[in-house]
Protein backbone atom coordinates (compact mmCIF):
# COMPACT_ATOMS: atom_id res chain seq x y z
CA MET A 1 -106.31 -23.15 -63.83
CA THR A 2 -106.88 -26.07 -61.47
CA PRO A 3 -104.58 -28.07 -59.17
CA ASP A 4 -103.97 -30.54 -61.99
CA ASP A 5 -102.61 -27.85 -64.29
CA THR A 6 -99.00 -26.78 -64.35
CA ALA A 7 -97.29 -23.50 -63.63
CA GLY A 8 -93.95 -22.80 -65.21
CA GLY A 9 -93.79 -26.43 -66.36
CA CYS A 10 -93.93 -27.79 -62.77
CA PRO A 11 -96.79 -29.70 -61.17
CA HIS A 12 -98.98 -27.39 -59.10
CA PRO A 13 -98.76 -28.59 -55.45
CA HIS A 14 -101.86 -28.75 -53.32
CA GLN A 15 -102.61 -29.28 -49.65
CA PRO A 16 -106.09 -28.86 -48.18
CA TYR A 17 -106.61 -25.72 -46.12
CA ASP A 18 -109.14 -26.12 -43.31
CA PRO A 19 -109.22 -23.24 -40.78
CA THR A 20 -112.30 -24.68 -39.10
CA GLY A 21 -110.80 -28.15 -38.60
CA ALA A 22 -107.29 -29.41 -39.22
CA HIS A 23 -105.73 -25.93 -39.10
CA ARG A 24 -107.94 -24.47 -36.39
CA ALA A 25 -105.42 -24.67 -33.54
CA ASP A 26 -102.28 -24.31 -35.63
CA PRO A 27 -102.64 -22.66 -39.04
CA HIS A 28 -98.95 -21.80 -39.06
CA SER A 29 -97.79 -25.24 -40.12
CA PHE A 30 -99.92 -24.90 -43.24
CA TYR A 31 -98.75 -21.32 -43.77
CA ARG A 32 -95.09 -22.38 -43.64
CA TRP A 33 -95.72 -25.13 -46.16
CA ALA A 34 -97.56 -22.74 -48.44
CA ARG A 35 -94.89 -20.02 -48.32
CA ASP A 36 -92.08 -22.52 -48.93
CA GLU A 37 -93.72 -24.86 -51.43
CA ALA A 38 -96.66 -23.09 -53.06
CA PRO A 39 -97.04 -19.36 -52.38
CA VAL A 40 -99.98 -19.44 -54.80
CA SER A 41 -101.90 -22.71 -54.57
CA PHE A 42 -105.41 -23.74 -55.55
CA SER A 43 -107.85 -24.84 -52.84
CA ALA A 44 -110.46 -27.15 -54.29
CA GLU A 45 -112.38 -26.93 -51.01
CA ILE A 46 -113.18 -23.24 -51.43
CA GLY A 47 -112.60 -22.88 -55.17
CA ALA A 48 -109.93 -20.21 -54.81
CA PHE A 49 -106.19 -19.72 -55.07
CA LEU A 50 -104.50 -19.20 -51.70
CA VAL A 51 -101.86 -16.46 -51.60
CA ALA A 52 -99.44 -17.02 -48.74
CA ASP A 53 -96.38 -14.77 -48.83
CA HIS A 54 -96.12 -11.12 -47.89
CA ALA A 55 -94.87 -9.76 -51.20
CA LEU A 56 -97.61 -11.47 -53.23
CA VAL A 57 -100.39 -10.55 -50.81
CA SER A 58 -99.16 -6.95 -50.94
CA GLU A 59 -99.08 -7.08 -54.74
CA VAL A 60 -102.72 -8.15 -54.87
CA LEU A 61 -103.82 -5.54 -52.32
CA ASN A 62 -102.06 -2.78 -54.24
CA THR A 63 -103.34 -3.63 -57.72
CA PRO A 64 -107.14 -3.29 -57.43
CA GLU A 65 -107.43 -2.83 -61.19
CA VAL A 66 -106.32 -6.46 -61.60
CA PHE A 67 -107.67 -8.00 -58.40
CA SER A 68 -111.24 -6.87 -57.81
CA SER A 69 -112.70 -6.60 -54.32
CA ALA A 70 -116.21 -7.55 -55.47
CA GLN A 71 -115.94 -10.77 -53.45
CA ALA A 72 -113.75 -9.60 -50.56
CA PHE A 73 -116.30 -11.56 -48.63
CA ALA A 74 -119.10 -13.44 -50.30
CA PRO A 75 -121.82 -11.02 -51.47
CA LEU A 76 -125.21 -11.67 -49.95
CA ASP A 77 -126.75 -12.21 -53.37
CA ALA A 78 -124.40 -15.17 -53.91
CA ASN A 79 -126.59 -17.19 -51.54
CA PRO A 80 -128.92 -19.91 -52.93
CA PRO A 81 -132.28 -18.85 -54.46
CA GLU A 82 -134.26 -20.05 -51.45
CA ILE A 83 -132.19 -17.71 -49.28
CA MET A 84 -132.59 -14.81 -51.69
CA ARG A 85 -136.37 -15.16 -51.54
CA ILE A 86 -136.11 -14.40 -47.82
CA LEU A 87 -133.78 -11.46 -48.44
CA ASP A 88 -136.18 -9.62 -50.75
CA HIS A 89 -136.98 -6.87 -48.25
CA LEU A 90 -134.16 -4.49 -49.19
CA PRO A 91 -131.70 -3.96 -52.07
CA LEU A 92 -128.29 -5.49 -51.35
CA PRO A 93 -125.61 -2.90 -52.21
CA PRO A 94 -121.94 -3.75 -51.72
CA HIS A 95 -120.08 -2.60 -48.65
CA MET A 96 -117.02 -0.44 -49.37
CA VAL A 97 -114.86 -3.50 -48.67
CA GLN A 98 -116.51 -5.13 -51.70
CA ALA A 99 -116.39 -2.06 -53.96
CA ASP A 100 -113.92 -1.24 -56.72
CA PRO A 101 -113.01 2.24 -58.01
CA PRO A 102 -114.69 4.59 -58.70
CA GLN A 103 -117.54 3.39 -56.43
CA HIS A 104 -115.04 2.59 -53.69
CA GLU A 105 -113.70 6.15 -53.44
CA HIS A 106 -117.21 7.49 -52.94
CA LEU A 107 -118.15 4.95 -50.27
CA ARG A 108 -114.83 5.36 -48.47
CA ALA A 109 -115.20 9.13 -48.38
CA LEU A 110 -118.58 8.66 -46.70
CA GLY A 111 -117.03 6.21 -44.23
CA GLU A 112 -114.25 8.66 -43.37
CA ARG A 113 -116.89 11.30 -42.72
CA VAL A 114 -118.40 8.95 -40.12
CA LEU A 115 -115.24 7.54 -38.50
CA HIS A 116 -113.22 10.73 -38.26
CA GLY A 117 -110.40 11.39 -35.81
CA ARG A 118 -112.37 13.82 -33.62
CA ARG A 119 -115.07 11.23 -32.95
CA ILE A 120 -112.47 8.59 -32.09
CA SER A 121 -110.44 10.90 -29.81
CA ALA A 122 -113.57 12.08 -28.02
CA ALA A 123 -114.31 8.47 -27.03
CA ILE A 124 -111.13 8.02 -24.96
CA PRO A 125 -112.55 9.03 -21.52
CA ALA A 126 -115.60 6.81 -22.00
CA LEU A 127 -113.43 3.87 -23.07
CA ARG A 128 -111.29 4.20 -19.94
CA ARG A 129 -114.37 4.37 -17.70
CA LEU A 130 -115.89 1.35 -19.45
CA ALA A 131 -112.73 -0.72 -18.97
CA ASP A 132 -112.57 0.19 -15.28
CA ASP A 133 -116.25 -0.58 -14.74
CA LEU A 134 -115.91 -4.03 -16.29
CA ILE A 135 -112.81 -4.84 -14.23
CA ASP A 136 -114.60 -3.67 -11.09
CA GLY A 137 -117.19 -6.36 -11.79
CA PHE A 138 -114.79 -9.31 -11.68
CA ALA A 139 -111.61 -8.10 -9.91
CA PRO A 140 -112.75 -9.20 -6.41
CA HIS A 141 -113.24 -12.80 -7.56
CA GLY A 142 -109.63 -13.61 -8.46
CA HIS A 143 -110.54 -15.23 -11.79
CA ALA A 144 -112.36 -14.43 -15.03
CA ASP A 145 -112.87 -15.40 -18.63
CA LEU A 146 -111.42 -12.33 -20.29
CA LEU A 147 -113.31 -12.94 -23.52
CA SER A 148 -116.87 -13.06 -22.20
CA GLN A 149 -116.40 -10.87 -19.12
CA TYR A 150 -114.10 -8.19 -20.50
CA ALA A 151 -113.05 -8.02 -24.14
CA HIS A 152 -116.41 -8.78 -25.71
CA PRO A 153 -118.57 -6.46 -23.59
CA PHE A 154 -115.90 -3.75 -23.80
CA VAL A 155 -115.80 -3.70 -27.60
CA GLN A 156 -119.52 -4.35 -27.98
CA THR A 157 -120.49 -1.52 -25.62
CA ALA A 158 -117.92 0.89 -27.06
CA LEU A 159 -119.17 0.33 -30.62
CA GLY A 160 -122.80 0.57 -29.52
CA GLU A 161 -122.19 3.92 -27.83
CA LEU A 162 -120.30 5.29 -30.82
CA THR A 163 -123.00 4.10 -33.20
CA GLY A 164 -125.90 5.18 -31.03
CA PHE A 165 -127.73 1.95 -30.25
CA HIS A 166 -129.35 1.47 -26.86
CA SER A 167 -127.35 -0.65 -24.44
CA ASP A 168 -130.28 -3.08 -24.18
CA ASP A 169 -129.77 -3.91 -27.87
CA ALA A 170 -126.31 -5.42 -27.34
CA ASP A 171 -127.20 -9.12 -27.27
CA ARG A 172 -129.57 -8.86 -30.22
CA LEU A 173 -127.02 -6.93 -32.27
CA ASP A 174 -124.45 -9.58 -31.48
CA ALA A 175 -126.73 -12.37 -32.71
CA TRP A 176 -127.70 -10.42 -35.81
CA ASN A 177 -124.07 -9.70 -36.62
CA THR A 178 -123.38 -13.44 -36.42
CA ALA A 179 -126.25 -14.02 -38.86
CA PHE A 180 -124.77 -11.51 -41.29
CA LEU A 181 -121.37 -13.20 -41.11
CA THR A 182 -123.01 -16.60 -41.66
CA LEU A 183 -124.54 -15.36 -44.92
CA ALA A 184 -121.20 -13.86 -46.00
CA ALA A 185 -119.15 -17.01 -45.30
CA PRO A 186 -117.85 -18.94 -48.34
CA VAL A 187 -119.34 -22.23 -47.10
CA GLY A 188 -122.25 -23.18 -44.86
CA ASP A 189 -125.28 -25.44 -44.73
CA LEU A 190 -128.68 -24.36 -45.98
CA ALA A 191 -130.45 -24.67 -42.63
CA ALA A 192 -128.01 -22.28 -40.93
CA ARG A 193 -128.25 -19.83 -43.81
CA THR A 194 -132.05 -19.93 -43.74
CA GLU A 195 -132.12 -19.10 -40.04
CA ALA A 196 -129.55 -16.36 -40.62
CA ALA A 197 -131.58 -14.85 -43.47
CA HIS A 198 -134.66 -14.47 -41.27
CA ALA A 199 -132.48 -12.91 -38.58
CA LEU A 200 -131.02 -10.47 -41.10
CA ARG A 201 -134.50 -9.20 -41.93
CA ASP A 202 -134.99 -8.42 -38.23
CA TYR A 203 -131.53 -6.81 -38.09
CA ASP A 204 -132.28 -4.50 -41.01
CA ALA A 205 -135.67 -3.53 -39.59
CA HIS A 206 -133.97 -2.62 -36.31
CA ILE A 207 -131.33 -0.50 -38.07
CA ILE A 208 -134.00 1.33 -40.09
CA ASP A 209 -136.06 1.99 -36.96
CA ALA A 210 -132.94 3.35 -35.22
CA LEU A 211 -132.19 5.65 -38.16
CA GLU A 212 -135.76 6.94 -38.15
CA HIS A 213 -135.49 7.62 -34.42
CA ARG A 214 -132.30 9.63 -35.00
CA ARG A 215 -134.06 11.62 -37.70
CA ARG A 216 -136.56 12.72 -35.03
CA GLU A 217 -134.02 13.01 -32.20
CA PRO A 218 -130.51 13.68 -33.55
CA ARG A 219 -127.46 13.15 -31.36
CA GLU A 220 -123.69 13.19 -31.78
CA ASP A 221 -123.41 9.58 -32.94
CA ILE A 222 -122.89 7.55 -36.09
CA LEU A 223 -126.58 6.83 -36.68
CA THR A 224 -127.27 10.57 -36.75
CA GLU A 225 -124.41 11.15 -39.17
CA LEU A 226 -125.78 8.45 -41.47
CA VAL A 227 -129.23 10.05 -41.40
CA ARG A 228 -127.68 13.38 -42.36
CA MET A 229 -125.95 11.77 -45.33
CA VAL A 230 -129.11 9.98 -46.47
CA ASP A 231 -131.09 13.23 -46.23
CA ASP A 232 -128.41 15.38 -47.86
CA ASP A 233 -129.20 15.73 -51.57
CA GLY A 234 -125.55 16.53 -52.21
CA VAL A 235 -124.32 13.18 -50.94
CA ALA A 236 -125.32 10.00 -52.77
CA MET A 237 -126.02 7.67 -49.85
CA ASN A 238 -129.36 5.91 -49.80
CA LEU A 239 -131.04 3.91 -47.06
CA PRO A 240 -129.70 0.49 -48.18
CA ASP A 241 -126.17 1.95 -48.20
CA ALA A 242 -126.66 3.22 -44.65
CA VAL A 243 -127.95 -0.18 -43.50
CA MET A 244 -124.98 -1.90 -45.12
CA PHE A 245 -122.59 0.54 -43.45
CA VAL A 246 -123.95 -0.41 -40.02
CA ARG A 247 -123.76 -4.13 -40.85
CA GLY A 248 -120.17 -3.69 -42.01
CA LEU A 249 -119.24 -1.62 -38.97
CA TYR A 250 -120.31 -4.42 -36.65
CA ALA A 251 -118.92 -7.20 -38.86
CA GLY A 252 -115.51 -5.57 -38.97
CA GLY A 253 -115.49 -3.83 -35.63
CA ILE A 254 -116.43 -6.47 -33.08
CA HIS A 255 -114.53 -9.70 -33.69
CA THR A 256 -111.10 -8.51 -34.77
CA THR A 257 -110.84 -5.87 -32.04
CA ARG A 258 -112.22 -8.10 -29.29
CA ASP A 259 -110.06 -11.02 -30.35
CA THR A 260 -106.90 -8.91 -30.43
CA VAL A 261 -107.53 -7.71 -26.86
CA VAL A 262 -107.60 -11.36 -25.77
CA THR A 263 -104.67 -12.58 -27.87
CA THR A 264 -102.57 -9.60 -26.74
CA VAL A 265 -103.09 -10.63 -23.12
CA LEU A 266 -102.37 -14.27 -23.99
CA THR A 267 -99.14 -13.51 -25.87
CA ALA A 268 -97.94 -11.14 -23.15
CA LEU A 269 -98.54 -13.75 -20.45
CA SER A 270 -97.08 -16.56 -22.56
CA HIS A 271 -93.89 -14.60 -23.24
CA GLY A 272 -93.38 -13.19 -19.74
CA LEU A 273 -94.19 -9.61 -20.74
CA TRP A 274 -97.23 -8.86 -18.59
CA GLU A 275 -95.29 -7.26 -15.74
CA GLN A 276 -93.61 -4.95 -18.22
CA ALA A 277 -97.01 -3.91 -19.60
CA ALA A 278 -98.20 -3.26 -16.04
CA SER A 279 -95.19 -1.16 -15.06
CA ASP A 280 -94.78 0.74 -18.34
CA PRO A 281 -98.02 1.62 -20.18
CA ARG A 282 -95.93 2.93 -23.07
CA ALA A 283 -94.95 -0.67 -23.83
CA VAL A 284 -98.54 -1.67 -24.53
CA ALA A 285 -98.71 -0.08 -27.97
CA GLY A 286 -95.77 -2.20 -29.16
CA LEU A 287 -97.28 -5.28 -27.56
CA VAL A 288 -100.55 -4.71 -29.44
CA GLU A 289 -98.83 -4.05 -32.75
CA GLU A 290 -96.75 -7.21 -32.53
CA THR A 291 -99.82 -9.27 -31.60
CA LEU A 292 -101.59 -7.97 -34.70
CA ARG A 293 -98.68 -9.34 -36.73
CA PHE A 294 -97.97 -12.51 -34.78
CA GLU A 295 -101.57 -13.72 -34.37
CA SER A 296 -103.42 -11.79 -37.07
CA PRO A 297 -107.09 -11.58 -36.05
CA HIS A 298 -108.43 -11.73 -39.60
CA ARG A 299 -107.52 -14.84 -41.56
CA GLY A 300 -107.82 -13.18 -44.95
CA MET A 301 -109.91 -11.55 -47.65
CA MET A 302 -111.01 -12.66 -51.09
CA ARG A 303 -110.33 -11.04 -54.45
CA VAL A 304 -111.50 -11.84 -58.00
CA VAL A 305 -109.15 -11.67 -60.97
CA ALA A 306 -110.49 -8.94 -63.27
CA ARG A 307 -108.31 -9.85 -66.26
CA PRO A 308 -105.81 -12.64 -67.01
CA ALA A 309 -102.81 -12.24 -64.73
CA VAL A 310 -99.69 -13.98 -63.48
CA LEU A 311 -99.10 -14.06 -59.73
CA GLY A 312 -96.02 -15.71 -58.28
CA GLY A 313 -95.46 -17.53 -61.57
CA VAL A 314 -99.01 -18.93 -61.61
CA GLU A 315 -101.31 -18.00 -64.48
CA LEU A 316 -104.74 -16.87 -63.33
CA ASP A 317 -107.75 -16.67 -65.61
CA ALA A 318 -110.20 -13.79 -65.39
CA GLY A 319 -112.88 -14.70 -62.90
CA SER A 320 -110.56 -16.78 -60.71
CA ARG A 321 -110.84 -16.15 -56.98
CA VAL A 322 -107.86 -15.60 -54.70
CA LEU A 323 -107.86 -15.75 -50.90
CA LEU A 324 -105.21 -13.59 -49.25
CA LEU A 325 -103.82 -15.24 -46.12
CA PHE A 326 -102.92 -12.33 -43.86
CA GLY A 327 -101.84 -14.63 -41.04
CA SER A 328 -99.32 -16.30 -43.32
CA ALA A 329 -98.04 -13.06 -44.86
CA ASN A 330 -97.39 -11.67 -41.39
CA ARG A 331 -95.14 -14.60 -40.51
CA ASP A 332 -93.14 -14.40 -43.75
CA GLN A 333 -89.43 -14.65 -42.98
CA ASN A 334 -88.68 -12.60 -46.10
CA ALA A 335 -90.63 -9.66 -44.69
CA PHE A 336 -89.88 -9.89 -40.95
CA THR A 337 -86.67 -10.71 -39.10
CA GLN A 338 -87.18 -13.93 -37.10
CA ALA A 339 -90.81 -13.88 -38.15
CA ASP A 340 -91.87 -16.69 -35.80
CA THR A 341 -90.47 -14.84 -32.78
CA PHE A 342 -92.79 -12.61 -30.76
CA ALA A 343 -90.83 -9.36 -30.46
CA PRO A 344 -92.74 -6.20 -29.47
CA GLY A 345 -91.11 -3.04 -30.72
CA ARG A 346 -89.45 -4.76 -33.66
CA ALA A 347 -88.16 -2.34 -36.29
CA ASP A 348 -90.11 -3.98 -39.10
CA GLY A 349 -93.34 -4.42 -37.14
CA ARG A 350 -95.39 -1.77 -38.94
CA GLY A 351 -95.07 -3.72 -42.18
CA HIS A 352 -97.74 -6.20 -41.11
CA LEU A 353 -100.94 -6.63 -43.09
CA ALA A 354 -103.39 -7.27 -40.25
CA PHE A 355 -105.40 -4.25 -41.42
CA GLY A 356 -104.80 -4.90 -45.11
CA ALA A 357 -103.07 -2.41 -47.39
CA GLY A 358 -103.76 -0.20 -50.37
CA ILE A 359 -107.05 1.54 -51.03
CA HIS A 360 -108.99 -0.99 -48.92
CA ARG A 361 -106.85 -0.68 -45.80
CA CYS A 362 -109.15 -1.00 -42.79
CA LEU A 363 -111.10 2.22 -42.28
CA GLY A 364 -111.51 1.56 -38.56
CA ARG A 365 -107.89 0.72 -37.75
CA ALA A 366 -107.33 3.83 -35.61
CA LEU A 367 -110.41 3.05 -33.52
CA ALA A 368 -109.41 -0.61 -33.23
CA ARG A 369 -105.88 0.24 -32.08
CA LEU A 370 -107.24 2.70 -29.54
CA GLU A 371 -109.78 0.26 -28.09
CA ILE A 372 -107.23 -2.56 -27.83
CA ARG A 373 -104.57 -0.35 -26.25
CA ILE A 374 -106.92 1.11 -23.64
CA ALA A 375 -108.38 -2.31 -22.78
CA VAL A 376 -104.93 -3.86 -22.30
CA GLU A 377 -103.40 -0.83 -20.53
CA THR A 378 -106.26 -0.65 -18.04
CA LEU A 379 -106.24 -4.38 -17.35
CA ALA A 380 -102.47 -4.45 -16.83
CA SER A 381 -102.52 -1.49 -14.45
CA ARG A 382 -105.41 -2.92 -12.43
CA LEU A 383 -104.31 -6.58 -12.39
CA PRO A 384 -100.50 -6.72 -12.67
CA GLY A 385 -100.46 -10.21 -11.16
CA LEU A 386 -102.58 -11.76 -13.90
CA ARG A 387 -101.58 -15.34 -14.79
CA LEU A 388 -102.74 -18.29 -16.86
CA PRO A 389 -104.11 -21.37 -15.06
CA ALA A 390 -101.85 -24.41 -14.70
CA GLY A 391 -101.89 -26.61 -17.78
CA PHE A 392 -103.47 -23.91 -19.94
CA GLU A 393 -104.03 -24.82 -23.61
CA ALA A 394 -105.42 -22.32 -26.08
CA ASP A 395 -108.79 -23.28 -27.55
CA TRP A 396 -109.28 -21.57 -30.91
CA THR A 397 -112.66 -21.13 -32.58
CA PRO A 398 -113.55 -22.98 -35.82
CA GLU A 399 -114.00 -19.73 -37.79
CA TRP A 400 -113.47 -18.98 -41.47
CA PHE A 401 -112.90 -15.26 -41.05
CA PHE A 402 -111.32 -14.87 -37.63
CA ARG A 403 -108.39 -16.22 -35.63
CA ALA A 404 -109.93 -16.14 -32.17
CA LEU A 405 -109.93 -17.86 -28.80
CA ARG A 406 -113.13 -19.40 -27.46
CA ARG A 407 -112.24 -18.05 -24.00
CA LEU A 408 -109.26 -16.97 -21.92
CA ASP A 409 -109.41 -17.99 -18.27
CA VAL A 410 -107.01 -16.07 -16.03
CA HIS A 411 -106.30 -15.85 -12.30
CA TRP A 412 -104.80 -13.32 -9.88
CA ASP A 413 -104.41 -12.94 -6.15
CA THR A 414 -107.08 -10.89 -4.39
């Protein structure tokens, strides 16, 4: 079906969706139009049907037998031939996010073995120390960019320590993760993809070297756990799977967590709730949860129709792609009371889809919530007088995958 076809005898409405341009600063105007006028609409720009309301997004997420995750994000082997010639150094298995049952159950079980509750809970003291150390670095100055000076190094360092990479690797890992995301984006020019492909080769070589080092010198970290699984004849994880797990851990664990730390601070300051967060740490969890709903950090995931289906009255052929708009679903007035109102502690708040739903619900959501809560709690307790500069205007990044600020400048009295 295309935009010129009909659904239910009515013309199929269409409005371009451009998260990197026209809808960068304000995607919500498009989301409202889509929910009201075309909950399932075809985007010629990305060659996929956009799914905008909460009930339909939930339906797709909970019926993996109909809506395959094979293209949750673009598989690396979907890149042009000239890119694939560069990426001939290692097989390209799917990440668990891209896997359907029964392969998905196996990969997820391995992931749960790595990101278990004991490992996450054991990280709490180190996370608190890290947050304090970062704040110590800028607190005397009376101003900071909370993205570059706090949220990004906090999440980056925390993930590096959990994984087992050396702290000196942080900047390179960041650049390599960006290269991986470039190759997984649905659109992009050939020159950028070529550069990213060469970077990915370096990334994979670094991961393999780190795994080999852990084989010689095991520790209590994720790299060591991956080596154990690769070496365990009873567990079917090979080296390419382990490399893909690390890529996916960074792709999913840096941006969304970092960006939610920043947007949580922004929404609290914008709605006059920062003093409450500073005086009552228990309020921070509700503040974080409502930010995840109100400004969902992940724009959405892709699915492929496995067999002919009807979604929201629209007929979908097998092979059609659908893009689930989490940010729109989480502002659906049919799912949330006064959905466009920021209301921490709302009774229906846990119904948001910021971490997805169904069998592919985000594996790292407990770690993400913990990191965000500790980062915001610590900042609020240390800098209760935090404020936005006069005339502040949010500057959002032109990203396909993420709803993120370029920076967040704040001030306080010293």
